Amino acid sequence: MKTYSKRLKTYEKITFDTKEILAGMSRLKGARRKPTSIALEEGLLHDLKRLASKRGIPYQILMRLLIADGVKRLKQAA
C-alpha cells in the first residue's frame, strides 16, 4: 500500500537581498581571463588533448594549468 505525505502549507515566503547575491556571484566568478592565441605543432596539440582526456578535463584548461605552473616555477627560481 502506497502512502503519501501531506503537503504542508506552513512554509514562509523568503526574500533575498539582490546585492548580496550579486556580490557572492562576483566573488565566485574568479579573475577575468583575456583570450589569447598560440600556434602549436600538431603533435604537441595531439599530446595535450590526449593527456587532458586521460584526466577528464578540456585541453584548454590543461594548457592554462601548465602555463600557470611554469610561471609559478619561474617566479620561485628568480
N, C-alpha and C. Protein backbone atom coordinates (compact mmCIF):
# COMPACT_ATOMS: atom_id res chain seq x y z
N MET A 1 0.83 -1.18 0.00
CA MET A 1 0.00 0.00 0.00
C MET A 1 0.89 1.25 0.00
N LYS A 2 0.61 2.15 -0.92
CA LYS A 2 1.38 3.38 -1.02
C LYS A 2 0.87 4.39 -0.01
N THR A 3 1.81 5.08 0.59
CA THR A 3 1.42 6.16 1.50
C THR A 3 2.05 7.45 1.00
N TYR A 4 1.35 8.50 1.14
CA TYR A 4 1.82 9.80 0.69
C TYR A 4 1.87 10.75 1.88
N SER A 5 2.87 11.59 1.87
CA SER A 5 2.93 12.59 2.93
C SER A 5 2.13 13.81 2.50
N LYS A 6 1.55 14.44 3.45
CA LYS A 6 0.76 15.63 3.15
C LYS A 6 1.68 16.80 2.86
N ARG A 7 1.25 17.61 1.97
CA ARG A 7 2.00 18.82 1.65
C ARG A 7 1.67 19.89 2.67
N LEU A 8 2.70 20.35 3.34
CA LEU A 8 2.48 21.36 4.37
C LEU A 8 2.41 22.75 3.75
N LYS A 9 1.54 23.56 4.25
CA LYS A 9 1.42 24.93 3.76
C LYS A 9 1.98 25.91 4.78
N THR A 10 2.93 25.44 5.57
CA THR A 10 3.48 26.28 6.63
C THR A 10 4.79 26.94 6.23
N TYR A 11 5.17 26.85 4.97
CA TYR A 11 6.42 27.47 4.54
C TYR A 11 6.24 28.98 4.46
N GLU A 12 7.24 29.68 4.91
CA GLU A 12 7.19 31.13 4.87
C GLU A 12 7.81 31.63 3.57
N LYS A 13 7.36 32.77 3.14
CA LYS A 13 7.92 33.38 1.95
C LYS A 13 9.31 33.93 2.27
N ILE A 14 10.27 33.66 1.41
CA ILE A 14 11.65 34.08 1.63
C ILE A 14 11.98 35.21 0.67
N THR A 15 12.63 36.24 1.18
CA THR A 15 13.10 37.32 0.32
C THR A 15 14.62 37.32 0.34
N PHE A 16 15.20 37.55 -0.81
CA PHE A 16 16.65 37.56 -0.96
C PHE A 16 17.13 38.97 -1.24
N ASP A 17 18.29 39.30 -0.70
CA ASP A 17 18.91 40.59 -0.97
C ASP A 17 19.71 40.46 -2.27
N THR A 18 19.26 41.13 -3.31
CA THR A 18 19.89 41.02 -4.61
C THR A 18 21.34 41.46 -4.59
N LYS A 19 21.66 42.49 -3.85
CA LYS A 19 23.04 42.98 -3.79
C LYS A 19 23.97 41.93 -3.20
N GLU A 20 23.51 41.24 -2.16
CA GLU A 20 24.34 40.20 -1.54
C GLU A 20 24.55 39.03 -2.49
N ILE A 21 23.53 38.66 -3.22
CA ILE A 21 23.65 37.56 -4.18
C ILE A 21 24.63 37.93 -5.28
N LEU A 22 24.52 39.13 -5.83
CA LEU A 22 25.44 39.55 -6.88
C LEU A 22 26.87 39.65 -6.38
N ALA A 23 27.05 40.11 -5.14
CA ALA A 23 28.40 40.19 -4.56
C ALA A 23 28.99 38.80 -4.41
N GLY A 24 28.19 37.85 -3.98
CA GLY A 24 28.66 36.48 -3.84
C GLY A 24 29.01 35.85 -5.18
N MET A 25 28.21 36.14 -6.19
CA MET A 25 28.48 35.60 -7.52
C MET A 25 29.77 36.16 -8.08
N SER A 26 30.03 37.43 -7.86
CA SER A 26 31.25 38.03 -8.40
C SER A 26 32.48 37.47 -7.70
N ARG A 27 32.36 37.13 -6.41
CA ARG A 27 33.49 36.52 -5.71
C ARG A 27 33.78 35.13 -6.27
N LEU A 28 32.75 34.38 -6.61
CA LEU A 28 32.93 33.03 -7.11
C LEU A 28 33.35 33.00 -8.57
N LYS A 29 33.10 34.07 -9.29
CA LYS A 29 33.40 34.09 -10.72
C LYS A 29 34.88 33.95 -10.99
N GLY A 30 35.72 34.49 -10.13
CA GLY A 30 37.15 34.38 -10.32
C GLY A 30 37.69 35.53 -11.15
N ALA A 31 38.97 35.44 -11.43
CA ALA A 31 39.64 36.50 -12.18
C ALA A 31 39.20 36.47 -13.65
N ARG A 32 39.17 37.63 -14.23
CA ARG A 32 38.84 37.70 -15.66
C ARG A 32 39.98 37.15 -16.48
N ARG A 33 39.63 36.53 -17.57
CA ARG A 33 40.63 35.95 -18.46
C ARG A 33 40.59 36.68 -19.79
N LYS A 34 41.74 36.84 -20.37
CA LYS A 34 41.83 37.51 -21.66
C LYS A 34 42.15 36.44 -22.71
N PRO A 35 41.35 36.35 -23.75
CA PRO A 35 41.61 35.35 -24.78
C PRO A 35 42.93 35.63 -25.49
N THR A 36 43.68 34.58 -25.74
CA THR A 36 44.95 34.69 -26.45
C THR A 36 45.00 33.65 -27.55
N SER A 37 45.98 33.78 -28.40
CA SER A 37 46.16 32.83 -29.49
C SER A 37 47.60 32.35 -29.48
N ILE A 38 47.78 31.06 -29.71
CA ILE A 38 49.12 30.49 -29.74
C ILE A 38 49.15 29.41 -30.82
N ALA A 39 50.23 29.40 -31.59
CA ALA A 39 50.39 28.39 -32.64
C ALA A 39 51.22 27.24 -32.08
N LEU A 40 50.66 26.03 -32.11
CA LEU A 40 51.34 24.85 -31.60
C LEU A 40 51.51 23.82 -32.71
N GLU A 41 52.55 23.02 -32.58
CA GLU A 41 52.74 21.93 -33.53
C GLU A 41 51.60 20.93 -33.35
N GLU A 42 51.25 20.25 -34.44
CA GLU A 42 50.13 19.31 -34.38
C GLU A 42 50.39 18.19 -33.38
N GLY A 43 51.62 17.71 -33.32
CA GLY A 43 51.95 16.64 -32.39
C GLY A 43 51.78 17.06 -30.94
N LEU A 44 52.21 18.27 -30.63
CA LEU A 44 52.07 18.79 -29.27
C LEU A 44 50.59 18.96 -28.90
N LEU A 45 49.82 19.47 -29.84
CA LEU A 45 48.39 19.64 -29.59
C LEU A 45 47.71 18.29 -29.38
N HIS A 46 48.10 17.31 -30.18
CA HIS A 46 47.56 15.96 -30.03
C HIS A 46 47.90 15.39 -28.65
N ASP A 47 49.15 15.59 -28.22
CA ASP A 47 49.57 15.11 -26.89
C ASP A 47 48.78 15.81 -25.78
N LEU A 48 48.59 17.11 -25.91
CA LEU A 48 47.82 17.86 -24.91
C LEU A 48 46.39 17.33 -24.81
N LYS A 49 45.77 17.10 -25.95
CA LYS A 49 44.40 16.60 -25.96
C LYS A 49 44.32 15.20 -25.35
N ARG A 50 45.30 14.37 -25.65
CA ARG A 50 45.32 13.01 -25.11
C ARG A 50 45.49 13.04 -23.58
N LEU A 51 46.45 13.86 -23.11
CA LEU A 51 46.67 13.97 -21.67
C LEU A 51 45.45 14.55 -20.95
N ALA A 52 44.83 15.53 -21.57
CA ALA A 52 43.64 16.14 -20.96
C ALA A 52 42.48 15.15 -20.89
N SER A 53 42.31 14.35 -21.94
CA SER A 53 41.21 13.37 -21.91
C SER A 53 41.45 12.30 -20.85
N LYS A 54 42.71 11.95 -20.60
CA LYS A 54 43.01 10.99 -19.53
C LYS A 54 42.60 11.54 -18.18
N ARG A 55 42.74 12.86 -18.01
CA ARG A 55 42.39 13.50 -16.74
C ARG A 55 40.93 13.94 -16.68
N GLY A 56 40.25 13.85 -17.81
CA GLY A 56 38.83 14.22 -17.84
C GLY A 56 38.58 15.71 -17.83
N ILE A 57 39.51 16.49 -18.38
CA ILE A 57 39.35 17.95 -18.44
C ILE A 57 39.57 18.41 -19.87
N PRO A 58 39.03 19.56 -20.25
CA PRO A 58 39.30 20.10 -21.58
C PRO A 58 40.78 20.47 -21.74
N TYR A 59 41.29 20.34 -22.96
CA TYR A 59 42.72 20.58 -23.17
C TYR A 59 43.11 22.04 -22.94
N GLN A 60 42.18 22.97 -23.15
CA GLN A 60 42.50 24.38 -22.88
C GLN A 60 42.75 24.61 -21.39
N ILE A 61 41.99 23.92 -20.56
CA ILE A 61 42.19 24.03 -19.11
C ILE A 61 43.55 23.45 -18.73
N LEU A 62 43.90 22.32 -19.33
CA LEU A 62 45.21 21.72 -19.07
C LEU A 62 46.33 22.66 -19.49
N MET A 63 46.18 23.30 -20.64
CA MET A 63 47.19 24.27 -21.09
C MET A 63 47.31 25.41 -20.09
N ARG A 64 46.19 25.93 -19.61
CA ARG A 64 46.21 27.03 -18.64
C ARG A 64 46.91 26.60 -17.35
N LEU A 65 46.63 25.37 -16.89
CA LEU A 65 47.27 24.88 -15.68
C LEU A 65 48.78 24.73 -15.86
N LEU A 66 49.19 24.21 -17.01
CA LEU A 66 50.61 24.03 -17.28
C LEU A 66 51.34 25.37 -17.37
N ILE A 67 50.72 26.33 -18.01
CA ILE A 67 51.34 27.66 -18.13
C ILE A 67 51.44 28.31 -16.75
N ALA A 68 50.36 28.23 -15.97
CA ALA A 68 50.38 28.82 -14.63
C ALA A 68 51.45 28.17 -13.75
N ASP A 69 51.60 26.85 -13.86
CA ASP A 69 52.62 26.15 -13.09
C ASP A 69 54.02 26.57 -13.53
N GLY A 70 54.22 26.71 -14.84
CA GLY A 70 55.52 27.14 -15.34
C GLY A 70 55.89 28.54 -14.89
N VAL A 71 54.92 29.45 -14.92
CA VAL A 71 55.17 30.83 -14.47
C VAL A 71 55.48 30.84 -12.98
N LYS A 72 54.75 30.04 -12.21
CA LYS A 72 54.99 29.97 -10.76
C LYS A 72 56.41 29.49 -10.48
N ARG A 73 56.85 28.47 -11.22
CA ARG A 73 58.21 27.95 -11.02
C ARG A 73 59.27 28.97 -11.42
N LEU A 74 59.03 29.70 -12.50
CA LEU A 74 59.99 30.72 -12.92
C LEU A 74 60.09 31.84 -11.88
N LYS A 75 58.96 32.21 -11.29
CA LYS A 75 58.97 33.24 -10.25
C LYS A 75 59.75 32.77 -9.03
N GLN A 76 59.58 31.51 -8.65
CA GLN A 76 60.29 30.98 -7.49
C GLN A 76 61.78 30.89 -7.75
N ALA A 77 62.17 30.60 -8.98
CA ALA A 77 63.59 30.46 -9.32
C ALA A 77 64.28 31.82 -9.37
N ALA A 78 63.52 32.87 -9.64
CA ALA A 78 64.12 34.21 -9.78
C ALA A 78 64.47 34.83 -8.47
